[in-house]
PDB file of N, CA and C in Angstrom:
ATOM      1  N   UNK A   1       0.850  -1.165  -0.063  1.00  0.00           N
ATOM      2  CA  UNK A   1       0.197   0.016  -0.049  1.00  0.00           C
ATOM      3  C   UNK A   1       1.044   1.143   0.145  1.00  0.00           C
ATOM      4  N   UNK A   2       0.546   1.997  -0.881  1.00  0.00           N
ATOM      5  CA  UNK A   2       1.208   3.479  -0.942  1.00  0.00           C
ATOM      6  C   UNK A   2       0.726   4.640  -0.216  1.00  0.00           C
ATOM      7  N   UNK A   3       1.584   5.097   0.147  1.00  0.00           N
ATOM      8  CA  UNK A   3       1.011   6.277   1.178  1.00  0.00           C
ATOM      9  C   UNK A   3       0.978   7.603   0.119  1.00  0.00           C
ATOM     10  N   UNK A   4      -0.108   8.042   0.197  1.00  0.00           N
ATOM     11  CA  UNK A   4      -0.267   9.304  -0.786  1.00  0.00           C
ATOM     12  C   UNK A   4      -0.492  10.652   0.470  1.00  0.00           C
ATOM     13  N   UNK A   5       0.456  11.570   0.008  1.00  0.00           N
ATOM     14  CA  UNK A   5       0.602  13.005   0.751  1.00  0.00           C
ATOM     15  C   UNK A   5       0.260  13.844   0.073  1.00  0.00           C
ATOM     16  N   UNK A   6      -0.089  14.889   0.316  1.00  0.00           N
ATOM     17  CA  UNK A   6       0.077  16.138  -0.384  1.00  0.00           C
ATOM     18  C   UNK A   6       0.906  17.392   0.389  1.00  0.00           C
ATOM     19  N   UNK A   7       1.846  17.885  -0.479  1.00  0.00           N
ATOM     20  CA  UNK A   7       2.670  18.970  -0.135  1.00  0.00           C
ATOM     21  C   UNK A   7       1.742  20.117   0.909  1.00  0.00           C
ATOM     22  N   UNK A   8       2.726  20.181   2.161  1.00  0.00           N
ATOM     23  CA  UNK A   8       2.004  21.588   3.049  1.00  0.00           C
ATOM     24  C   UNK A   8       2.049  22.559   2.528  1.00  0.00           C
ATOM     25  N   UNK A   9       1.151  23.602   2.650  1.00  0.00           N
ATOM     26  CA  UNK A   9       1.071  24.698   2.486  1.00  0.00           C
ATOM     27  C   UNK A   9       0.629  25.785   3.467  1.00  0.00           C
ATOM     28  N   UNK A  10       1.626  26.453   3.934  1.00  0.00           N
ATOM     29  CA  UNK A  10       1.290  27.070   5.131  1.00  0.00           C
ATOM     30  C   UNK A  10      -0.011  28.231   4.845  1.00  0.00           C
ATOM     31  N   UNK A  11       0.038  28.955   3.786  1.00  0.00           N
ATOM     32  CA  UNK A  11      -0.684  29.556   3.103  1.00  0.00           C
ATOM     33  C   UNK A  11      -2.504  29.323   3.775  1.00  0.00           C
ATOM     34  N   UNK A  12      -2.364  28.084   3.566  1.00  0.00           N
ATOM     35  CA  UNK A  12      -3.974  27.574   3.691  1.00  0.00           C
ATOM     36  C   UNK A  12      -4.112  27.874   5.279  1.00  0.00           C
ATOM     37  N   UNK A  13      -3.059  27.874   6.174  1.00  0.00           N
ATOM     38  CA  UNK A  13      -3.808  27.861   7.354  1.00  0.00           C
ATOM     39  C   UNK A  13      -3.788  29.199   7.957  1.00  0.00           C
ATOM     40  N   UNK A  14      -3.482  30.248   7.081  1.00  0.00           N
ATOM     41  CA  UNK A  14      -2.986  31.685   7.769  1.00  0.00           C
ATOM     42  C   UNK A  14      -4.651  32.335   7.394  1.00  0.00           C
ATOM     43  N   UNK A  15      -5.467  32.144   8.200  1.00  0.00           N
ATOM     44  CA  UNK A  15      -6.892  32.816   8.035  1.00  0.00           C
ATOM     45  C   UNK A  15      -6.709  34.302   8.193  1.00  0.00           C
ATOM     46  N   UNK A  16      -6.568  34.836   9.252  1.00  0.00           N
ATOM     47  CA  UNK A  16      -6.535  35.976   9.582  1.00  0.00           C
ATOM     48  C   UNK A  16      -5.252  37.328   9.550  1.00  0.00           C
ATOM     49  N   UNK A  17      -5.370  38.335   9.555  1.00  0.00           N
ATOM     50  CA  UNK A  17      -4.177  39.216  10.055  1.00  0.00           C
ATOM     51  C   UNK A  17      -3.413  38.991  10.771  1.00  0.00           C
ATOM     52  N   UNK A  18      -3.928  38.533  12.077  1.00  0.00           N
ATOM     53  CA  UNK A  18      -3.178  38.242  13.215  1.00  0.00           C
ATOM     54  C   UNK A  18      -2.348  36.961  12.734  1.00  0.00           C
ATOM     55  N   UNK A  19      -2.889  35.675  12.178  1.00  0.00           N
ATOM     56  CA  UNK A  19      -2.077  34.765  11.551  1.00  0.00           C
ATOM     57  C   UNK A  19      -0.923  35.165  10.854  1.00  0.00           C
ATOM     58  N   UNK A  20      -1.470  35.813   9.867  1.00  0.00           N
ATOM     59  CA  UNK A  20      -0.240  36.389   8.747  1.00  0.00           C
ATOM     60  C   UNK A  20       0.994  37.107   9.603  1.00  0.00           C
ATOM     61  N   UNK A  21       0.650  38.023  10.699  1.00  0.00           N
ATOM     62  CA  UNK A  21       1.587  39.032  11.233  1.00  0.00           C
ATOM     63  C   UNK A  21       2.297  37.900  12.010  1.00  0.00           C
ATOM     64  N   UNK A  22       1.632  36.805  12.876  1.00  0.00           N
ATOM     65  CA  UNK A  22       2.419  35.812  13.666  1.00  0.00           C
ATOM     66  C   UNK A  22       3.314  35.098  12.866  1.00  0.00           C
ATOM     67  N   UNK A  23       2.859  34.528  11.887  1.00  0.00           N
ATOM     68  CA  UNK A  23       3.618  33.705  11.023  1.00  0.00           C
ATOM     69  C   UNK A  23       4.913  34.688  10.362  1.00  0.00           C
ATOM     70  N   UNK A  24       4.815  35.429   9.904  1.00  0.00           N
ATOM     71  CA  UNK A  24       5.744  36.614   9.588  1.00  0.00           C
ATOM     72  C   UNK A  24       6.898  36.821  10.854  1.00  0.00           C
ATOM     73  N   UNK A  25       6.390  37.165  11.626  1.00  0.00           N
ATOM     74  CA  UNK A  25       7.018  37.192  13.132  1.00  0.00           C
ATOM     75  C   UNK A  25       8.359  36.217  13.309  1.00  0.00           C
ATOM     76  N   UNK A  26       7.349  34.807  13.173  1.00  0.00           N
ATOM     77  CA  UNK A  26       8.212  33.822  13.756  1.00  0.00           C
ATOM     78  C   UNK A  26       9.241  33.538  12.439  1.00  0.00           C
ATOM     79  N   UNK A  27       8.820  33.563  11.327  1.00  0.00           N
ATOM     80  CA  UNK A  27       9.671  33.375  10.392  1.00  0.00           C
ATOM     81  C   UNK A  27      10.932  34.448  10.351  1.00  0.00           C
ATOM     82  N   UNK A  28      10.800  35.668  10.427  1.00  0.00           N
ATOM     83  CA  UNK A  28      11.875  36.624  10.657  1.00  0.00           C
ATOM     84  C   UNK A  28      12.594  36.381  11.909  1.00  0.00           C
ATOM     85  N   UNK A  29      12.235  35.776  12.883  1.00  0.00           N
ATOM     86  CA  UNK A  29      12.801  35.284  14.224  1.00  0.00           C
ATOM     87  C   UNK A  29      13.610  34.262  13.790  1.00  0.00           C
ATOM     88  N   UNK A  30      13.338  33.274  13.059  1.00  0.00           N
ATOM     89  CA  UNK A  30      13.877  32.075  12.779  1.00  0.00           C
ATOM     90  C   UNK A  30      14.969  32.013  11.716  1.00  0.00           C
ATOM     91  N   UNK A  31      14.578  32.829  10.805  1.00  0.00           N
ATOM     92  CA  UNK A  31      15.465  32.961   9.353  1.00  0.00           C
ATOM     93  C   UNK A  31      16.978  33.489   9.511  1.00  0.00           C
ATOM     94  N   UNK A  32      17.417  33.860  10.837  1.00  0.00           N
ATOM     95  CA  UNK A  32      18.724  34.805  10.715  1.00  0.00           C
ATOM     96  C   UNK A  32      18.842  35.446   9.714  1.00  0.00           C
ATOM     97  N   UNK A  33      19.946  35.167   8.797  1.00  0.00           N
ATOM     98  CA  UNK A  33      20.632  35.918   7.674  1.00  0.00           C
ATOM     99  C   UNK A  33      20.146  35.052   6.532  1.00  0.00           C
ATOM    100  N   UNK A  34      19.056  34.085   6.322  1.00  0.00           N
ATOM    101  CA  UNK A  34      18.786  33.858   5.174  1.00  0.00           C
ATOM    102  C   UNK A  34      17.789  34.490   4.332  1.00  0.00           C
ATOM    103  N   UNK A  35      18.173  35.349   3.381  1.00  0.00           N
ATOM    104  CA  UNK A  35      17.122  36.271   2.587  1.00  0.00           C
ATOM    105  C   UNK A  35      16.220  35.299   1.985  1.00  0.00           C
ATOM    106  N   UNK A  36      16.609  34.200   1.463  1.00  0.00           N
ATOM    107  CA  UNK A  36      15.641  33.127   0.484  1.00  0.00           C
ATOM    108  C   UNK A  36      14.582  32.835   1.507  1.00  0.00           C
ATOM    109  N   UNK A  37      14.953  32.302   2.761  1.00  0.00           N
ATOM    110  CA  UNK A  37      13.942  31.921   3.767  1.00  0.00           C
ATOM    111  C   UNK A  37      12.765  33.063   4.077  1.00  0.00           C
ATOM    112  N   UNK A  38      13.279  34.476   4.199  1.00  0.00           N
ATOM    113  CA  UNK A  38      12.370  35.762   4.282  1.00  0.00           C
ATOM    114  C   UNK A  38      11.814  35.899   2.998  1.00  0.00           C
ATOM    115  N   UNK A  39      11.890  35.632   2.017  1.00  0.00           N
ATOM    116  CA  UNK A  39      11.401  36.101   0.767  1.00  0.00           C
ATOM    117  C   UNK A  39      10.248  35.099   0.548  1.00  0.00           C
ATOM    118  N   UNK A  40      10.487  33.734   0.659  1.00  0.00           N
ATOM    119  CA  UNK A  40       9.784  32.753   0.760  1.00  0.00           C
ATOM    120  C   UNK A  40       8.235  33.053   1.758  1.00  0.00           C
ATOM    121  N   UNK A  41       8.531  33.536   3.002  1.00  0.00           N
ATOM    122  CA  UNK A  41       7.800  33.587   3.965  1.00  0.00           C
ATOM    123  C   UNK A  41       6.829  34.917   3.684  1.00  0.00           C
ATOM    124  N   UNK A  42       7.563  35.794   2.658  1.00  0.00           N
ATOM    125  CA  UNK A  42       6.681  36.749   2.478  1.00  0.00           C
ATOM    126  C   UNK A  42       5.578  36.139   1.566  1.00  0.00           C
ATOM    127  N   UNK A  43       6.196  35.527   0.424  1.00  0.00           N
ATOM    128  CA  UNK A  43       5.348  34.759  -0.421  1.00  0.00           C
ATOM    129  C   UNK A  43       4.506  33.886   0.043  1.00  0.00           C
ATOM    130  N   UNK A  44       4.592  33.389   0.901  1.00  0.00           N
ATOM    131  CA  UNK A  44       3.391  32.544   1.605  1.00  0.00           C
ATOM    132  C   UNK A  44       2.284  33.361   2.152  1.00  0.00           C
ATOM    133  N   UNK A  45       3.055  34.556   2.700  1.00  0.00           N
ATOM    134  CA  UNK A  45       1.987  35.481   3.522  1.00  0.00           C
ATOM    135  C   UNK A  45       1.063  36.201   2.119  1.00  0.00           C
ATOM    136  N   UNK A  46       1.734  36.522   1.185  1.00  0.00           N
ATOM    137  CA  UNK A  46       0.739  36.986  -0.097  1.00  0.00           C
ATOM    138  C   UNK A  46      -0.133  36.199  -0.327  1.00  0.00           C
ATOM    139  N   UNK A  47       0.307  34.598  -0.479  1.00  0.00           N
ATOM    140  CA  UNK A  47      -0.760  33.793  -1.412  1.00  0.00           C
ATOM    141  C   UNK A  47      -2.010  33.781  -0.313  1.00  0.00           C
ATOM    142  N   UNK A  48      -1.640  33.855   1.033  1.00  0.00           N
ATOM    143  CA  UNK A  48      -2.541  33.578   1.961  1.00  0.00           C
ATOM    144  C   UNK A  48      -3.604  34.716   1.608  1.00  0.00           C
ATOM    145  N   UNK A  49      -3.285  35.856   1.426  1.00  0.00           N
ATOM    146  CA  UNK A  49      -4.163  37.228   1.331  1.00  0.00           C
ATOM    147  C   UNK A  49      -4.875  36.921  -0.118  1.00  0.00           C
ATOM    148  N   UNK A  50      -4.396  37.904  -1.192  1.00  0.00           N
ATOM    149  CA  UNK A  50      -4.955  37.776  -2.502  1.00  0.00           C
ATOM    150  C   UNK A  50      -4.039  38.226  -3.051  1.00  0.00           C
ATOM    151  N   UNK A  51      -3.086  37.603  -4.316  1.00  0.00           N
ATOM    152  CA  UNK A  51      -2.099  37.710  -5.124  1.00  0.00           C
ATOM    153  C   UNK A  51      -2.543  38.736  -6.252  1.00  0.00           C
ATOM    154  N   UNK A  52      -3.640  38.271  -6.460  1.00  0.00           N
ATOM    155  CA  UNK A  52      -4.242  39.371  -7.589  1.00  0.00           C
ATOM    156  C   UNK A  52      -4.334  40.704  -7.299  1.00  0.00           C
ATOM    157  N   UNK A  53      -5.043  40.848  -5.947  1.00  0.00           N
ATOM    158  CA  UNK A  53      -5.028  42.394  -5.440  1.00  0.00           C
ATOM    159  C   UNK A  53      -3.693  42.642  -5.087  1.00  0.00           C
ATOM    160  N   UNK A  54      -2.673  41.925  -4.395  1.00  0.00           N
ATOM    161  CA  UNK A  54      -1.281  42.838  -4.421  1.00  0.00           C
ATOM    162  C   UNK A  54      -0.733  42.952  -5.527  1.00  0.00           C
ATOM    163  N   UNK A  55      -1.088  42.304  -6.511  1.00  0.00           N
ATOM    164  CA  UNK A  55      -0.207  42.721  -7.674  1.00  0.00           C
ATOM    165  C   UNK A  55      -0.779  43.922  -8.241  1.00  0.00           C
ATOM    166  N   UNK A  56      -2.270  44.134  -8.227  1.00  0.00           N
ATOM    167  CA  UNK A  56      -2.576  45.675  -8.561  1.00  0.00           C
ATOM    168  C   UNK A  56      -2.014  46.570  -7.601  1.00  0.00           C
ATOM    169  N   UNK A  57      -1.889  46.248  -6.335  1.00  0.00           N
ATOM    170  CA  UNK A  57      -1.554  47.178  -5.310  1.00  0.00           C
ATOM    171  C   UNK A  57       0.073  47.506  -5.515  1.00  0.00           C
ATOM    172  N   UNK A  58       0.775  46.892  -6.077  1.00  0.00           N
ATOM    173  CA  UNK A  58       2.089  47.080  -6.226  1.00  0.00           C
ATOM    174  C   UNK A  58       2.447  47.415  -7.480  1.00  0.00           C
ATOM    175  N   UNK A  59       1.376  47.343  -8.504  1.00  0.00           N
ATOM    176  CA  UNK A  59       1.805  47.349  -9.833  1.00  0.00           C
ATOM    177  C   UNK A  59       2.436  46.349 -10.540  1.00  0.00           C
ATOM    178  N   UNK A  60       3.052  45.323 -10.212  1.00  0.00           N
ATOM    179  CA  UNK A  60       3.404  44.290 -10.743  1.00  0.00           C
ATOM    180  C   UNK A  60       2.562  43.276 -10.950  1.00  0.00           C
ATOM    181  N   UNK A  61       2.974  42.261 -12.184  1.00  0.00           N
ATOM    182  CA  UNK A  61       1.874  41.252 -12.815  1.00  0.00           C
ATOM    183  C   UNK A  61       2.049  40.085 -11.571  1.00  0.00           C
ATOM    184  N   UNK A  62       1.034  39.417 -11.502  1.00  0.00           N
ATOM    185  CA  UNK A  62       0.634  38.410 -10.605  1.00  0.00           C
ATOM    186  C   UNK A  62       1.941  37.329 -10.828  1.00  0.00           C
ATOM    187  N   UNK A  63       2.250  36.723 -12.028  1.00  0.00           N
ATOM    188  CA  UNK A  63       2.965  35.704 -12.298  1.00  0.00           C
ATOM    189  C   UNK A  63       4.200  36.289 -11.939  1.00  0.00           C
ATOM    190  N   UNK A  64       4.646  37.536 -12.191  1.00  0.00           N
ATOM    191  CA  UNK A  64       5.943  37.781 -11.905  1.00  0.00           C
ATOM    192  C   UNK A  64       6.113  37.934 -10.277  1.00  0.00           C
ATOM    193  N   UNK A  65       4.915  38.094  -9.162  1.00  0.00           N
ATOM    194  CA  UNK A  65       5.043  38.346  -7.996  1.00  0.00           C
ATOM    195  C   UNK A  65       5.368  36.546  -7.601  1.00  0.00           C
ATOM    196  N   UNK A  66       4.424  35.591  -8.129  1.00  0.00           N
ATOM    197  CA  UNK A  66       4.511  34.263  -7.887  1.00  0.00           C
ATOM    198  C   UNK A  66       6.144  33.989  -8.078  1.00  0.00           C
ATOM    199  N   UNK A  67       6.448  34.154  -9.165  1.00  0.00           N
ATOM    200  CA  UNK A  67       7.861  33.770  -9.633  1.00  0.00           C
ATOM    201  C   UNK A  67       8.751  34.506  -8.579  1.00  0.00           C
ATOM    202  N   UNK A  68       8.890  35.719  -8.314  1.00  0.00           N
ATOM    203  CA  UNK A  68       9.828  36.525  -7.319  1.00  0.00           C
ATOM    204  C   UNK A  68       9.402  35.975  -5.805  1.00  0.00           C
ATOM    205  N   UNK A  69       8.551  35.652  -5.455  1.00  0.00           N
ATOM    206  CA  UNK A  69       8.384  35.072  -4.360  1.00  0.00           C
ATOM    207  C   UNK A  69       8.454  33.710  -3.751  1.00  0.00           C
ATOM    208  N   UNK A  70       8.918  33.355  -4.807  1.00  0.00           N
ATOM    209  CA  UNK A  70       8.656  31.411  -4.957  1.00  0.00           C
ATOM    210  C   UNK A  70      10.024  31.318  -3.992  1.00  0.00           C
ATOM    211  N   UNK A  71      10.065  30.059  -3.739  1.00  0.00           N
ATOM    212  CA  UNK A  71      11.809  29.568  -3.069  1.00  0.00           C
ATOM    213  C   UNK A  71      12.964  29.579  -3.678  1.00  0.00           C
ATOM    214  N   UNK A  72      12.622  29.589  -5.245  1.00  0.00           N
ATOM    215  CA  UNK A  72      13.721  29.817  -6.388  1.00  0.00           C
ATOM    216  C   UNK A  72      13.951  31.285  -6.769  1.00  0.00           C
ATOM    217  N   UNK A  73      12.743  32.219  -6.339  1.00  0.00           N
ATOM    218  CA  UNK A  73      12.931  33.356  -6.562  1.00  0.00           C
ATOM    219  C   UNK A  73      14.282  34.437  -6.587  1.00  0.00           C
ATOM    220  N   UNK A  74      14.441  35.438  -6.455  1.00  0.00           N
ATOM    221  CA  UNK A  74      15.349  36.154  -6.634  1.00  0.00           C
ATOM    222  C   UNK A  74      14.916  37.617  -6.895  1.00  0.00           C
ATOM    223  N   UNK A  75      14.099  38.264  -5.896  1.00  0.00           N
ATOM    224  CA  UNK A  75      13.425  39.661  -6.265  1.00  0.00           C
ATOM    225  C   UNK A  75      14.391  40.599  -5.894  1.00  0.00           C
ATOM    226  N   UNK A  76      14.297  41.836  -6.418  1.00  0.00           N
ATOM    227  CA  UNK A  76      15.139  42.812  -5.903  1.00  0.00           C
ATOM    228  C   UNK A  76      14.455  43.410  -4.802  1.00  0.00           C
ATOM    229  N   UNK A  77      15.641  44.082  -4.090  1.00  0.00           N
ATOM    230  CA  UNK A  77      15.035  44.679  -2.754  1.00  0.00           C
ATOM    231  C   UNK A  77      13.877  45.627  -2.941  1.00  0.00           C
ATOM    232  N   UNK A  78      13.931  46.408  -3.956  1.00  0.00           N
ATOM    233  CA  UNK A  78      13.072  47.044  -4.516  1.00  0.00           C
ATOM    234  C   UNK A  78      11.540  46.266  -4.589  1.00  0.00           C
ATOM    235  N   UNK A  79      11.453  45.534  -5.347  1.00  0.00           N
ATOM    236  CA  UNK A  79      10.371  44.421  -5.115  1.00  0.00           C
ATOM    237  C   UNK A  79       9.590  43.926  -3.656  1.00  0.00           C
ATOM    238  N   UNK A  80      10.876  43.650  -3.052  1.00  0.00           N
ATOM    239  CA  UNK A  80      10.231  43.213  -1.343  1.00  0.00           C
ATOM    240  C   UNK A  80       9.648  44.149  -0.782  1.00  0.00           C
ATOM    241  N   UNK A  81      10.290  45.460  -0.748  1.00  0.00           N
ATOM    242  CA  UNK A  81       9.816  46.616  -0.168  1.00  0.00           C
ATOM    243  C   UNK A  81       8.356  47.027  -0.755  1.00  0.00           C
ATOM    244  N   UNK A  82       8.021  46.812  -2.111  1.00  0.00           N
ATOM    245  CA  UNK A  82       6.426  47.110  -2.391  1.00  0.00           C
ATOM    246  C   UNK A  82       5.409  46.119  -2.020  1.00  0.00           C
ATOM    247  N   UNK A  83       6.300  44.916  -2.185  1.00  0.00           N
ATOM    248  CA  UNK A  83       5.151  43.919  -1.554  1.00  0.00           C
ATOM    249  C   UNK A  83       4.870  44.187   0.045  1.00  0.00           C
ATOM    250  N   UNK A  84       5.904  44.285   0.934  1.00  0.00           N
ATOM    251  CA  UNK A  84       5.572  44.639   2.173  1.00  0.00           C
ATOM    252  C   UNK A  84       4.952  45.906   2.410  1.00  0.00           C
ATOM    253  N   UNK A  85       4.932  46.930   1.875  1.00  0.00           N
ATOM    254  CA  UNK A  85       4.380  48.015   1.964  1.00  0.00           C
ATOM    255  C   UNK A  85       2.538  47.756   1.483  1.00  0.00           C
ATOM    256  N   UNK A  86       2.554  47.139   0.475  1.00  0.00           N
ATOM    257  CA  UNK A  86       1.277  46.648  -0.052  1.00  0.00           C
ATOM    258  C   UNK A  86       0.434  45.860   0.959  1.00  0.00           C
ATOM    259  N   UNK A  87       1.214  45.114   1.814  1.00  0.00           N
ATOM    260  CA  UNK A  87       0.419  44.269   2.549  1.00  0.00           C
ATOM    261  C   UNK A  87       0.356  44.975   3.995  1.00  0.00           C
ATOM    262  N   UNK A  88       0.992  46.145   3.984  1.00  0.00           N
ATOM    263  CA  UNK A  88       0.688  46.986   5.326  1.00  0.00           C
ATOM    264  C   UNK A  88       1.990  46.851   6.069  1.00  0.00           C
ATOM    265  N   UNK A  89       3.165  46.354   5.799  1.00  0.00           N
ATOM    266  CA  UNK A  89       4.055  46.271   6.694  1.00  0.00           C
ATOM    267  C   UNK A  89       5.508  47.120   6.159  1.00  0.00           C
ATOM    268  N   UNK A  90       6.444  47.463   6.986  1.00  0.00           N
ATOM    269  CA  UNK A  90       7.610  48.070   6.675  1.00  0.00           C
ATOM    270  C   UNK A  90       8.633  47.713   7.525  1.00  0.00           C
ATOM    271  N   UNK A  91       9.839  47.519   6.781  1.00  0.00           N
ATOM    272  CA  UNK A  91      11.127  47.226   6.951  1.00  0.00           C
ATOM    273  C   UNK A  91      11.632  48.269   8.343  1.00  0.00           C
ATOM    274  N   UNK A  92      12.332  47.823   9.174  1.00  0.00           N
ATOM    275  CA  UNK A  92      13.018  48.647  10.309  1.00  0.00           C
ATOM    276  C   UNK A  92      14.454  48.327  10.097  1.00  0.00           C
ATOM    277  N   UNK A  93      15.486  49.144  10.510  1.00  0.00           N
ATOM    278  CA  UNK A  93      16.826  48.566  11.193  1.00  0.00           C
ATOM    279  C   UNK A  93      16.952  48.849  12.171  1.00  0.00           C
ATOM    280  N   UNK A  94      17.455  47.914  13.138  1.00  0.00           N
ATOM    281  CA  UNK A  94      17.491  47.621  14.673  1.00  0.00           C
ATOM    282  C   UNK A  94      18.633  47.281  15.150  1.00  0.00           C
ATOM    283  N   UNK A  95      19.304  48.057  15.887  1.00  0.00           N
ATOM    284  CA  UNK A  95      20.492  47.826  16.308  1.00  0.00           C
ATOM    285  C   UNK A  95      21.066  46.595  17.096  1.00  0.00           C
ATOM    286  N   UNK A  96      22.165  45.805  16.793  1.00  0.00           N
ATOM    287  CA  UNK A  96      22.124  44.320  17.229  1.00  0.00           C
ATOM    288  C   UNK A  96      22.839  44.588  18.599  1.00  0.00           C
ATOM    289  N   UNK A  97      23.300  45.978  18.583  1.00  0.00           N
ATOM    290  CA  UNK A  97      24.127  46.153  20.135  1.00  0.00           C
ATOM    291  C   UNK A  97      23.263  45.909  21.164  1.00  0.00           C
ATOM    292  N   UNK A  98      22.032  46.304  21.366  1.00  0.00           N
ATOM    293  CA  UNK A  98      21.385  46.158  22.786  1.00  0.00           C
ATOM    294  C   UNK A  98      20.289  46.066  22.326  1.00  0.00           C
ATOM    295  N   UNK A  99      19.296  45.334  23.055  1.00  0.00           N
ATOM    296  CA  UNK A  99      17.763  44.660  22.738  1.00  0.00           C
ATOM    297  C   UNK A  99      17.091  45.202  23.926  1.00  0.00           C
ATOM    298  N   UNK A 100      16.974  46.837  23.968  1.00  0.00           N
ATOM    299  CA  UNK A 100      16.337  47.356  25.101  1.00  0.00           C
ATOM    300  C   UNK A 100      14.869  46.775  25.193  1.00  0.00           C
ATOM    301  N   UNK A 101      14.331  46.920  26.340  1.00  0.00           N
ATOM    302  CA  UNK A 101      13.051  46.611  26.461  1.00  0.00           C
ATOM    303  C   UNK A 101      12.037  48.002  25.858  1.00  0.00           C
ATOM    304  N   UNK A 102      10.785  47.697  25.631  1.00  0.00           N
ATOM    305  CA  UNK A 102      10.259  49.303  25.088  1.00  0.00           C
ATOM    306  C   UNK A 102      10.550  50.421  26.095  1.00  0.00           C
ATOM    307  N   UNK A 103      10.186  50.029  27.472  1.00  0.00           N
ATOM    308  CA  UNK A 103      10.555  51.051  28.287  1.00  0.00           C
ATOM    309  C   UNK A 103      11.823  51.645  28.346  1.00  0.00           C
ATOM    310  N   UNK A 104      12.957  50.727  28.241  1.00  0.00           N
ATOM    311  CA  UNK A 104      14.275  51.213  28.302  1.00  0.00           C
ATOM    312  C   UNK A 104      14.736  52.016  26.811  1.00  0.00           C
ATOM    313  N   UNK A 105      13.920  51.512  25.885  1.00  0.00           N
ATOM    314  CA  UNK A 105      14.405  52.132  24.377  1.00  0.00           C
ATOM    315  C   UNK A 105      13.632  53.383  24.571  1.00  0.00           C
ATOM    316  N   UNK A 106      12.779  53.652  25.270  1.00  0.00           N
ATOM    317  CA  UNK A 106      12.242  55.390  25.729  1.00  0.00           C
ATOM    318  C   UNK A 106      13.181  55.886  26.636  1.00  0.00           C
ATOM    319  N   UNK A 107      13.774  55.458  27.724  1.00  0.00           N
ATOM    320  CA  UNK A 107      15.011  56.232  28.445  1.00  0.00           C
ATOM    321  C   UNK A 107      16.098  56.191  27.631  1.00  0.00           C
ATOM    322  N   UNK A 108      16.435  55.197  26.983  1.00  0.00           N
ATOM    323  CA  UNK A 108      17.680  55.420  26.260  1.00  0.00           C
ATOM    324  C   UNK A 108      17.340  56.562  24.902  1.00  0.00           C
ATOM    325  N   UNK A 109      16.433  56.633  24.516  1.00  0.00           N
ATOM    326  CA  UNK A 109      16.242  57.902  23.356  1.00  0.00           C
ATOM    327  C   UNK A 109      16.151  59.227  24.039  1.00  0.00           C
ATOM    328  N   UNK A 110      15.716  59.143  25.556  1.00  0.00           N
ATOM    329  CA  UNK A 110      15.531  60.517  26.087  1.00  0.00           C
ATOM    330  C   UNK A 110      17.324  60.880  26.393  1.00  0.00           C
ATOM    331  N   UNK A 111      17.985  59.756  26.661  1.00  0.00           N
ATOM    332  CA  UNK A 111      19.430  60.025  27.065  1.00  0.00           C
ATOM    333  C   UNK A 111      20.028  60.666  26.111  1.00  0.00           C
ATOM    334  N   UNK A 112      19.835  60.575  25.023  1.00  0.00           N
ATOM    335  CA  UNK A 112      20.274  60.800  23.595  1.00  0.00           C
ATOM    336  C   UNK A 112      19.925  62.014  23.260  1.00  0.00           C
ATOM    337  N   UNK A 113      18.807  62.524  23.762  1.00  0.00           N
ATOM    338  CA  UNK A 113      18.407  63.774  23.217  1.00  0.00           C
ATOM    339  C   UNK A 113      19.189  65.213  23.965  1.00  0.00           C
ATOM    340  N   UNK A 114      19.461  65.828  23.349  1.00  0.00           N
ATOM    341  CA  UNK A 114      19.927  67.136  23.538  1.00  0.00           C
ATOM    342  C   UNK A 114      19.620  67.868  24.740  1.00  0.00           C
ATOM    343  N   UNK A 115      20.630  68.231  25.726  1.00  0.00           N
ATOM    344  CA  UNK A 115      20.173  68.876  27.091  1.00  0.00           C
ATOM    345  C   UNK A 115      20.340  70.031  27.196  1.00  0.00           C
ATOM    346  N   UNK A 116      19.844  70.982  28.099  1.00  0.00           N
ATOM    347  CA  UNK A 116      20.187  72.260  28.164  1.00  0.00           C
ATOM    348  C   UNK A 116      20.712  72.352  29.383  1.00  0.00           C
ATOM    349  N   UNK A 117      21.925  73.399  29.104  1.00  0.00           N
ATOM    350  CA  UNK A 117      22.943  73.571  30.043  1.00  0.00           C
ATOM    351  C   UNK A 117      22.799  75.054  30.815  1.00  0.00           C
ATOM    352  N   UNK A 118      22.954  75.228  31.921  1.00  0.00           N
ATOM    353  CA  UNK A 118      22.632  76.330  32.486  1.00  0.00           C
ATOM    354  C   UNK A 118      21.235  77.012  32.897  1.00  0.00           C
TER     355      UNK A 118
END
């Protein structure tokens, strides 16, 4: 007897915006410095939404998005930024030196602010 299986598609299980956000957060945490993994995760999240609408929002073709965001795709950084923006996300650079809590981050920012003398 042969065991039949179907490929796992994470996009089928991302039903809500909270699901998509949690999925992307987990993938970005897990990916380390693997850009292919990150682009694939963005592609899964895009498929969980509506790729046709995303194509319209980015000004790119649906087929082009599928190709760029596939595991073998190699999109430009501009394409990745367009997709993230159209999905309501943005990229931010965060210092690796210190991982302050939100509260500590506010204090650190305040300490870096210019002070009045006299």
